[in-house]
Amino acid sequence: MFSWIKNTHGKPDAMLTFATVAFGMVTLNLFLSSFGPFTYGDFNFTFTPLSSDTMGVYLGATLTAYVSRRYTDARHASARVAEPASDETQSS
């Protein structure tokens, strides 16, 4: 079964998982493409490198989505702390 990577608050985080997987895929592609084509038995493997534009867009989009979600979560958390707990805290 698949589980999400936990963020710094200990909660499962889909965006952090997606950003980590994206980084791993791009890194693996860069690593494997540095070897060029190779043969194992009857199988021929060729890993072509991604263009830098493709890698930048792919990683930029995932990182931007993750950072934007963290910023939004932090803003909503600080707004909840700033609100009074009930009407009893206000004086008449």
PDB file of N, CA and C in Angstrom:
ATOM      1  N   MET A   1       0.838  -1.177   0.000  1.00  0.00           N
ATOM      2  CA  MET A   1       0.000   0.000   0.000  1.00  0.00           C
ATOM      3  C   MET A   1       0.885   1.242   0.000  1.00  0.00           C
ATOM      4  N   PHE A   2       0.435   2.257  -0.669  1.00  0.00           N
ATOM      5  CA  PHE A   2       1.178   3.505  -0.803  1.00  0.00           C
ATOM      6  C   PHE A   2       0.861   4.426   0.366  1.00  0.00           C
ATOM      7  N   SER A   3       1.870   5.059   0.918  1.00  0.00           N
ATOM      8  CA  SER A   3       1.630   6.041   1.976  1.00  0.00           C
ATOM      9  C   SER A   3       2.312   7.348   1.599  1.00  0.00           C
ATOM     10  N   TRP A   4       1.719   8.443   2.039  1.00  0.00           N
ATOM     11  CA  TRP A   4       2.254   9.764   1.753  1.00  0.00           C
ATOM     12  C   TRP A   4       3.440  10.058   2.660  1.00  0.00           C
ATOM     13  N   ILE A   5       4.350  10.878   2.173  1.00  0.00           N
ATOM     14  CA  ILE A   5       5.456  11.367   2.993  1.00  0.00           C
ATOM     15  C   ILE A   5       4.871  12.363   3.989  1.00  0.00           C
ATOM     16  N   LYS A   6       5.366  12.336   5.214  1.00  0.00           N
ATOM     17  CA  LYS A   6       4.846  13.244   6.236  1.00  0.00           C
ATOM     18  C   LYS A   6       5.629  14.554   6.235  1.00  0.00           C
ATOM     19  N   ASN A   7       4.895  15.650   6.431  1.00  0.00           N
ATOM     20  CA  ASN A   7       5.537  16.964   6.446  1.00  0.00           C
ATOM     21  C   ASN A   7       6.107  17.252   7.831  1.00  0.00           C
ATOM     22  N   THR A   8       6.547  18.467   8.068  1.00  0.00           N
ATOM     23  CA  THR A   8       7.202  18.813   9.328  1.00  0.00           C
ATOM     24  C   THR A   8       6.242  18.812  10.512  1.00  0.00           C
ATOM     25  N   HIS A   9       4.944  18.828  10.237  1.00  0.00           N
ATOM     26  CA  HIS A   9       3.945  18.761  11.301  1.00  0.00           C
ATOM     27  C   HIS A   9       3.499  17.323  11.572  1.00  0.00           C
ATOM     28  N   GLY A  10       4.094  16.363  10.861  1.00  0.00           N
ATOM     29  CA  GLY A  10       3.769  14.960  11.063  1.00  0.00           C
ATOM     30  C   GLY A  10       2.517  14.490  10.346  1.00  0.00           C
ATOM     31  N   LYS A  11       1.984  15.316   9.455  1.00  0.00           N
ATOM     32  CA  LYS A  11       0.767  14.955   8.720  1.00  0.00           C
ATOM     33  C   LYS A  11       1.143  14.442   7.331  1.00  0.00           C
ATOM     34  N   PRO A  12       0.416  13.447   6.793  1.00  0.00           N
ATOM     35  CA  PRO A  12       0.666  12.987   5.432  1.00  0.00           C
ATOM     36  C   PRO A  12       0.469  14.139   4.443  1.00  0.00           C
ATOM     37  N   ASP A  13       1.381  14.276   3.494  1.00  0.00           N
ATOM     38  CA  ASP A  13       1.381  15.426   2.592  1.00  0.00           C
ATOM     39  C   ASP A  13       1.513  14.959   1.143  1.00  0.00           C
ATOM     40  N   ALA A  14       0.428  15.095   0.371  1.00  0.00           N
ATOM     41  CA  ALA A  14       0.424  14.661  -1.026  1.00  0.00           C
ATOM     42  C   ALA A  14       1.361  15.510  -1.881  1.00  0.00           C
ATOM     43  N   MET A  15       1.383  16.833  -1.669  1.00  0.00           N
ATOM     44  CA  MET A  15       2.234  17.701  -2.495  1.00  0.00           C
ATOM     45  C   MET A  15       3.704  17.458  -2.222  1.00  0.00           C
ATOM     46  N   LEU A  16       4.069  17.224  -0.979  1.00  0.00           N
ATOM     47  CA  LEU A  16       5.462  16.919  -0.648  1.00  0.00           C
ATOM     48  C   LEU A  16       5.859  15.595  -1.287  1.00  0.00           C
ATOM     49  N   THR A  17       4.961  14.624  -1.261  1.00  0.00           N
ATOM     50  CA  THR A  17       5.232  13.336  -1.894  1.00  0.00           C
ATOM     51  C   THR A  17       5.424  13.509  -3.394  1.00  0.00           C
ATOM     52  N   PHE A  18       4.538  14.278  -4.028  1.00  0.00           N
ATOM     53  CA  PHE A  18       4.637  14.503  -5.469  1.00  0.00           C
ATOM     54  C   PHE A  18       5.933  15.231  -5.826  1.00  0.00           C
ATOM     55  N   ALA A  19       6.311  16.254  -5.057  1.00  0.00           N
ATOM     56  CA  ALA A  19       7.546  16.992  -5.325  1.00  0.00           C
ATOM     57  C   ALA A  19       8.771  16.096  -5.145  1.00  0.00           C
ATOM     58  N   THR A  20       8.747  15.223  -4.156  1.00  0.00           N
ATOM     59  CA  THR A  20       9.867  14.307  -3.917  1.00  0.00           C
ATOM     60  C   THR A  20       9.988  13.288  -5.044  1.00  0.00           C
ATOM     61  N   VAL A  21       8.857  12.749  -5.485  1.00  0.00           N
ATOM     62  CA  VAL A  21       8.871  11.785  -6.590  1.00  0.00           C
ATOM     63  C   VAL A  21       9.347  12.461  -7.878  1.00  0.00           C
ATOM     64  N   ALA A  22       8.892  13.683  -8.137  1.00  0.00           N
ATOM     65  CA  ALA A  22       9.327  14.417  -9.329  1.00  0.00           C
ATOM     66  C   ALA A  22      10.833  14.641  -9.309  1.00  0.00           C
ATOM     67  N   PHE A  23      11.357  15.067  -8.161  1.00  0.00           N
ATOM     68  CA  PHE A  23      12.794  15.271  -8.037  1.00  0.00           C
ATOM     69  C   PHE A  23      13.547  13.960  -8.267  1.00  0.00           C
ATOM     70  N   GLY A  24      13.046  12.872  -7.697  1.00  0.00           N
ATOM     71  CA  GLY A  24      13.682  11.562  -7.878  1.00  0.00           C
ATOM     72  C   GLY A  24      13.673  11.105  -9.321  1.00  0.00           C
ATOM     73  N   MET A  25      12.562  11.334 -10.020  1.00  0.00           N
ATOM     74  CA  MET A  25      12.470  10.922 -11.429  1.00  0.00           C
ATOM     75  C   MET A  25      13.450  11.702 -12.297  1.00  0.00           C
ATOM     76  N   VAL A  26      13.527  13.012 -12.092  1.00  0.00           N
ATOM     77  CA  VAL A  26      14.439  13.833 -12.889  1.00  0.00           C
ATOM     78  C   VAL A  26      15.893  13.462 -12.577  1.00  0.00           C
ATOM     79  N   THR A  27      16.201  13.248 -11.308  1.00  0.00           N
ATOM     80  CA  THR A  27      17.559  12.867 -10.925  1.00  0.00           C
ATOM     81  C   THR A  27      17.931  11.507 -11.497  1.00  0.00           C
ATOM     82  N   LEU A  28      17.001  10.546 -11.442  1.00  0.00           N
ATOM     83  CA  LEU A  28      17.250   9.223 -12.005  1.00  0.00           C
ATOM     84  C   LEU A  28      17.460   9.298 -13.520  1.00  0.00           C
ATOM     85  N   ASN A  29      16.649  10.122 -14.191  1.00  0.00           N
ATOM     86  CA  ASN A  29      16.824  10.290 -15.629  1.00  0.00           C
ATOM     87  C   ASN A  29      18.183  10.891 -15.954  1.00  0.00           C
ATOM     88  N   LEU A  30      18.606  11.895 -15.195  1.00  0.00           N
ATOM     89  CA  LEU A  30      19.925  12.492 -15.430  1.00  0.00           C
ATOM     90  C   LEU A  30      21.037  11.469 -15.209  1.00  0.00           C
ATOM     91  N   PHE A  31      20.906  10.675 -14.155  1.00  0.00           N
ATOM     92  CA  PHE A  31      21.915   9.660 -13.836  1.00  0.00           C
ATOM     93  C   PHE A  31      21.979   8.580 -14.916  1.00  0.00           C
ATOM     94  N   LEU A  32      20.832   8.032 -15.307  1.00  0.00           N
ATOM     95  CA  LEU A  32      20.817   6.951 -16.302  1.00  0.00           C
ATOM     96  C   LEU A  32      21.206   7.435 -17.692  1.00  0.00           C
ATOM     97  N   SER A  33      20.828   8.659 -18.042  1.00  0.00           N
ATOM     98  CA  SER A  33      21.174   9.155 -19.376  1.00  0.00           C
ATOM     99  C   SER A  33      22.664   9.425 -19.506  1.00  0.00           C
ATOM    100  N   SER A  34      23.372   9.586 -18.389  1.00  0.00           N
ATOM    101  CA  SER A  34      24.813   9.820 -18.464  1.00  0.00           C
ATOM    102  C   SER A  34      25.561   8.560 -18.916  1.00  0.00           C
ATOM    103  N   PHE A  35      24.947   7.390 -18.763  1.00  0.00           N
ATOM    104  CA  PHE A  35      25.579   6.149 -19.210  1.00  0.00           C
ATOM    105  C   PHE A  35      25.404   5.901 -20.703  1.00  0.00           C
ATOM    106  N   GLY A  36      24.373   6.490 -21.306  1.00  0.00           N
ATOM    107  CA  GLY A  36      24.110   6.255 -22.723  1.00  0.00           C
ATOM    108  C   GLY A  36      23.467   4.897 -22.925  1.00  0.00           C
ATOM    109  N   PRO A  37      23.446   4.415 -24.159  1.00  0.00           N
ATOM    110  CA  PRO A  37      22.810   3.111 -24.414  1.00  0.00           C
ATOM    111  C   PRO A  37      23.673   1.958 -23.905  1.00  0.00           C
ATOM    112  N   PHE A  38      23.025   0.928 -23.409  1.00  0.00           N
ATOM    113  CA  PHE A  38      23.745  -0.271 -23.012  1.00  0.00           C
ATOM    114  C   PHE A  38      22.872  -1.498 -23.275  1.00  0.00           C
ATOM    115  N   THR A  39      23.510  -2.654 -23.349  1.00  0.00           N
ATOM    116  CA  THR A  39      22.827  -3.899 -23.691  1.00  0.00           C
ATOM    117  C   THR A  39      22.980  -4.888 -22.546  1.00  0.00           C
ATOM    118  N   TYR A  40      21.885  -5.567 -22.236  1.00  0.00           N
ATOM    119  CA  TYR A  40      21.891  -6.628 -21.233  1.00  0.00           C
ATOM    120  C   TYR A  40      21.190  -7.825 -21.864  1.00  0.00           C
ATOM    121  N   GLY A  41      21.952  -8.800 -22.270  1.00  0.00           N
ATOM    122  CA  GLY A  41      21.370  -9.953 -22.965  1.00  0.00           C
ATOM    123  C   GLY A  41      20.797  -9.513 -24.302  1.00  0.00           C
ATOM    124  N   ASP A  42      19.530  -9.802 -24.507  1.00  0.00           N
ATOM    125  CA  ASP A  42      18.854  -9.401 -25.743  1.00  0.00           C
ATOM    126  C   ASP A  42      18.200  -8.030 -25.646  1.00  0.00           C
ATOM    127  N   PHE A  43      18.303  -7.400 -24.508  1.00  0.00           N
ATOM    128  CA  PHE A  43      17.641  -6.117 -24.308  1.00  0.00           C
ATOM    129  C   PHE A  43      18.614  -4.965 -24.527  1.00  0.00           C
ATOM    130  N   ASN A  44      18.153  -3.988 -25.283  1.00  0.00           N
ATOM    131  CA  ASN A  44      18.916  -2.756 -25.500  1.00  0.00           C
ATOM    132  C   ASN A  44      18.217  -1.632 -24.746  1.00  0.00           C
ATOM    133  N   PHE A  45      18.943  -0.978 -23.871  1.00  0.00           N
ATOM    134  CA  PHE A  45      18.393   0.126 -23.089  1.00  0.00           C
ATOM    135  C   PHE A  45      19.020   1.430 -23.544  1.00  0.00           C
ATOM    136  N   THR A  46      18.171   2.403 -23.770  1.00  0.00           N
ATOM    137  CA  THR A  46      18.639   3.737 -24.111  1.00  0.00           C
ATOM    138  C   THR A  46      17.850   4.733 -23.283  1.00  0.00           C
ATOM    139  N   PHE A  47      18.547   5.531 -22.520  1.00  0.00           N
ATOM    140  CA  PHE A  47      17.907   6.572 -21.729  1.00  0.00           C
ATOM    141  C   PHE A  47      18.301   7.913 -22.315  1.00  0.00           C
ATOM    142  N   THR A  48      17.328   8.591 -22.883  1.00  0.00           N
ATOM    143  CA  THR A  48      17.610   9.903 -23.451  1.00  0.00           C
ATOM    144  C   THR A  48      17.389  10.956 -22.377  1.00  0.00           C
ATOM    145  N   PRO A  49      18.265  11.919 -22.288  1.00  0.00           N
ATOM    146  CA  PRO A  49      18.108  12.948 -21.254  1.00  0.00           C
ATOM    147  C   PRO A  49      16.917  13.858 -21.553  1.00  0.00           C
ATOM    148  N   LEU A  50      16.292  14.343 -20.504  1.00  0.00           N
ATOM    149  CA  LEU A  50      15.253  15.354 -20.647  1.00  0.00           C
ATOM    150  C   LEU A  50      15.917  16.677 -20.996  1.00  0.00           C
ATOM    151  N   SER A  51      15.209  17.504 -21.723  1.00  0.00           N
ATOM    152  CA  SER A  51      15.765  18.826 -22.004  1.00  0.00           C
ATOM    153  C   SER A  51      15.714  19.655 -20.716  1.00  0.00           C
ATOM    154  N   SER A  52      16.582  20.629 -20.629  1.00  0.00           N
ATOM    155  CA  SER A  52      16.609  21.456 -19.423  1.00  0.00           C
ATOM    156  C   SER A  52      15.308  22.238 -19.263  1.00  0.00           C
ATOM    157  N   ASP A  53      14.661  22.595 -20.378  1.00  0.00           N
ATOM    158  CA  ASP A  53      13.372  23.290 -20.301  1.00  0.00           C
ATOM    159  C   ASP A  53      12.321  22.401 -19.648  1.00  0.00           C
ATOM    160  N   THR A  54      12.279  21.138 -20.072  1.00  0.00           N
ATOM    161  CA  THR A  54      11.301  20.197 -19.525  1.00  0.00           C
ATOM    162  C   THR A  54      11.540  19.966 -18.044  1.00  0.00           C
ATOM    163  N   MET A  55      12.797  19.781 -17.662  1.00  0.00           N
ATOM    164  CA  MET A  55      13.109  19.560 -16.252  1.00  0.00           C
ATOM    165  C   MET A  55      12.764  20.792 -15.418  1.00  0.00           C
ATOM    166  N   GLY A  56      13.074  21.967 -15.924  1.00  0.00           N
ATOM    167  CA  GLY A  56      12.774  23.198 -15.197  1.00  0.00           C
ATOM    168  C   GLY A  56      11.287  23.412 -14.990  1.00  0.00           C
ATOM    169  N   VAL A  57      10.512  23.160 -16.030  1.00  0.00           N
ATOM    170  CA  VAL A  57       9.060  23.317 -15.908  1.00  0.00           C
ATOM    171  C   VAL A  57       8.488  22.279 -14.956  1.00  0.00           C
ATOM    172  N   TYR A  58       8.937  21.046 -15.076  1.00  0.00           N
ATOM    173  CA  TYR A  58       8.428  19.954 -14.243  1.00  0.00           C
ATOM    174  C   TYR A  58       8.754  20.184 -12.768  1.00  0.00           C
ATOM    175  N   LEU A  59      10.010  20.485 -12.483  1.00  0.00           N
ATOM    176  CA  LEU A  59      10.403  20.713 -11.098  1.00  0.00           C
ATOM    177  C   LEU A  59       9.871  22.049 -10.568  1.00  0.00           C
ATOM    178  N   GLY A  60       9.862  23.058 -11.405  1.00  0.00           N
ATOM    179  CA  GLY A  60       9.349  24.362 -10.987  1.00  0.00           C
ATOM    180  C   GLY A  60       7.882  24.318 -10.620  1.00  0.00           C
ATOM    181  N   ALA A  61       7.095  23.610 -11.410  1.00  0.00           N
ATOM    182  CA  ALA A  61       5.659  23.505 -11.132  1.00  0.00           C
ATOM    183  C   ALA A  61       5.395  22.756  -9.831  1.00  0.00           C
ATOM    184  N   THR A  62       6.099  21.661  -9.600  1.00  0.00           N
ATOM    185  CA  THR A  62       5.866  20.894  -8.375  1.00  0.00           C
ATOM    186  C   THR A  62       6.347  21.656  -7.142  1.00  0.00           C
ATOM    187  N   LEU A  63       7.502  22.306  -7.240  1.00  0.00           N
ATOM    188  CA  LEU A  63       8.009  23.075  -6.102  1.00  0.00           C
ATOM    189  C   LEU A  63       7.104  24.275  -5.815  1.00  0.00           C
ATOM    190  N   THR A  64       6.645  24.944  -6.854  1.00  0.00           N
ATOM    191  CA  THR A  64       5.755  26.092  -6.675  1.00  0.00           C
ATOM    192  C   THR A  64       4.449  25.672  -6.017  1.00  0.00           C
ATOM    193  N   ALA A  65       3.884  24.545  -6.450  1.00  0.00           N
ATOM    194  CA  ALA A  65       2.638  24.060  -5.855  1.00  0.00           C
ATOM    195  C   ALA A  65       2.838  23.724  -4.384  1.00  0.00           C
ATOM    196  N   TYR A  66       3.948  23.096  -4.050  1.00  0.00           N
ATOM    197  CA  TYR A  66       4.220  22.733  -2.655  1.00  0.00           C
ATOM    198  C   TYR A  66       4.415  23.971  -1.786  1.00  0.00           C
ATOM    199  N   VAL A  67       5.236  24.907  -2.237  1.00  0.00           N
ATOM    200  CA  VAL A  67       5.503  26.115  -1.456  1.00  0.00           C
ATOM    201  C   VAL A  67       4.238  26.960  -1.324  1.00  0.00           C
ATOM    202  N   SER A  68       3.446  27.058  -2.372  1.00  0.00           N
ATOM    203  CA  SER A  68       2.202  27.826  -2.313  1.00  0.00           C
ATOM    204  C   SER A  68       1.233  27.223  -1.304  1.00  0.00           C
ATOM    205  N   ARG A  69       1.134  25.906  -1.271  1.00  0.00           N
ATOM    206  CA  ARG A  69       0.244  25.252  -0.318  1.00  0.00           C
ATOM    207  C   ARG A  69       0.731  25.468   1.109  1.00  0.00           C
ATOM    208  N   ARG A  70       2.044  25.387   1.329  1.00  0.00           N
ATOM    209  CA  ARG A  70       2.586  25.622   2.675  1.00  0.00           C
ATOM    210  C   ARG A  70       2.329  27.073   3.115  1.00  0.00           C
ATOM    211  N   TYR A  71       2.486  28.016   2.193  1.00  0.00           N
ATOM    212  CA  TYR A  71       2.238  29.427   2.505  1.00  0.00           C
ATOM    213  C   TYR A  71       0.765  29.636   2.855  1.00  0.00           C
ATOM    214  N   THR A  72      -0.134  29.040   2.075  1.00  0.00           N
ATOM    215  CA  THR A  72      -1.566  29.171   2.321  1.00  0.00           C
ATOM    216  C   THR A  72      -1.943  28.552   3.662  1.00  0.00           C
ATOM    217  N   ASP A  73      -1.407  27.376   3.964  1.00  0.00           N
ATOM    218  CA  ASP A  73      -1.677  26.732   5.253  1.00  0.00           C
ATOM    219  C   ASP A  73      -1.195  27.605   6.403  1.00  0.00           C
ATOM    220  N   ALA A  74      -0.019  28.200   6.271  1.00  0.00           N
ATOM    221  CA  ALA A  74       0.527  29.044   7.335  1.00  0.00           C
ATOM    222  C   ALA A  74      -0.324  30.303   7.529  1.00  0.00           C
ATOM    223  N   ARG A  75      -0.799  30.875   6.441  1.00  0.00           N
ATOM    224  CA  ARG A  75      -1.646  32.067   6.542  1.00  0.00           C
ATOM    225  C   ARG A  75      -2.956  31.752   7.253  1.00  0.00           C
ATOM    226  N   HIS A  76      -3.565  30.628   6.913  1.00  0.00           N
ATOM    227  CA  HIS A  76      -4.831  30.258   7.550  1.00  0.00           C
ATOM    228  C   HIS A  76      -4.622  29.899   9.021  1.00  0.00           C
ATOM    229  N   ALA A  77      -3.506  29.281   9.333  1.00  0.00           N
ATOM    230  CA  ALA A  77      -3.215  28.939  10.728  1.00  0.00           C
ATOM    231  C   ALA A  77      -3.011  30.197  11.566  1.00  0.00           C
ATOM    232  N   SER A  78      -2.317  31.189  11.030  1.00  0.00           N
ATOM    233  CA  SER A  78      -2.095  32.423  11.786  1.00  0.00           C
ATOM    234  C   SER A  78      -3.388  33.217  11.916  1.00  0.00           C
ATOM    235  N   ALA A  79      -4.277  33.135  10.950  1.00  0.00           N
ATOM    236  CA  ALA A  79      -5.566  33.826  11.035  1.00  0.00           C
ATOM    237  C   ALA A  79      -6.438  33.189  12.113  1.00  0.00           C
ATOM    238  N   ARG A  80      -6.363  31.874  12.256  1.00  0.00           N
ATOM    239  CA  ARG A  80      -7.149  31.195  13.295  1.00  0.00           C
ATOM    240  C   ARG A  80      -6.643  31.566  14.680  1.00  0.00           C
ATOM    241  N   VAL A  81      -5.346  31.734  14.841  1.00  0.00           N
ATOM    242  CA  VAL A  81      -4.776  32.099  16.140  1.00  0.00           C
ATOM    243  C   VAL A  81      -5.153  33.531  16.504  1.00  0.00           C
ATOM    244  N   ALA A  82      -5.229  34.422  15.531  1.00  0.00           N
ATOM    245  CA  ALA A  82      -5.504  35.830  15.780  1.00  0.00           C
ATOM    246  C   ALA A  82      -6.966  36.093  16.120  1.00  0.00           C
ATOM    247  N   GLU A  83      -7.877  35.190  15.739  1.00  0.00           N
ATOM    248  CA  GLU A  83      -9.297  35.390  16.009  1.00  0.00           C
ATOM    249  C   GLU A  83      -9.579  35.154  17.493  1.00  0.00           C
ATOM    250  N   PRO A  84     -10.520  35.928  18.078  1.00  0.00           N
ATOM    251  CA  PRO A  84     -10.906  35.657  19.455  1.00  0.00           C
ATOM    252  C   PRO A  84     -11.625  34.316  19.553  1.00  0.00           C
ATOM    253  N   ALA A  85     -11.476  33.648  20.681  1.00  0.00           N
ATOM    254  CA  ALA A  85     -12.067  32.323  20.860  1.00  0.00           C
ATOM    255  C   ALA A  85     -13.590  32.390  20.929  1.00  0.00           C
ATOM    256  N   SER A  86     -14.139  33.421  21.552  1.00  0.00           N
ATOM    257  CA  SER A  86     -15.599  33.543  21.646  1.00  0.00           C
ATOM    258  C   SER A  86     -15.947  35.005  21.855  1.00  0.00           C
ATOM    259  N   ASP A  87     -17.249  35.298  21.918  1.00  0.00           N
ATOM    260  CA  ASP A  87     -17.706  36.665  22.144  1.00  0.00           C
ATOM    261  C   ASP A  87     -17.473  37.118  23.577  1.00  0.00           C
ATOM    262  N   GLU A  88     -17.214  36.184  24.487  1.00  0.00           N
ATOM    263  CA  GLU A  88     -17.011  36.531  25.887  1.00  0.00           C
ATOM    264  C   GLU A  88     -15.733  37.338  26.102  1.00  0.00           C
ATOM    265  N   THR A  89     -14.785  37.261  25.167  1.00  0.00           N
ATOM    266  CA  THR A  89     -13.526  37.984  25.347  1.00  0.00           C
ATOM    267  C   THR A  89     -13.666  39.464  25.058  1.00  0.00           C
ATOM    268  N   GLN A  90     -14.770  39.860  24.402  1.00  0.00           N
ATOM    269  CA  GLN A  90     -14.964  41.253  24.083  1.00  0.00           C
ATOM    270  C   GLN A  90     -15.737  41.918  25.225  1.00  0.00           C
ATOM    271  N   SER A  91     -15.298  43.115  25.602  1.00  0.00           N
ATOM    272  CA  SER A  91     -16.002  43.822  26.687  1.00  0.00           C
ATOM    273  C   SER A  91     -17.141  44.641  26.121  1.00  0.00           C
ATOM    274  N   SER A  92     -18.210  44.822  26.913  1.00  0.00           N
ATOM    275  CA  SER A  92     -19.378  45.577  26.449  1.00  0.00           C
ATOM    276  C   SER A  92     -19.294  47.004  26.875  1.00  0.00           C
TER     277      SER A  92
END
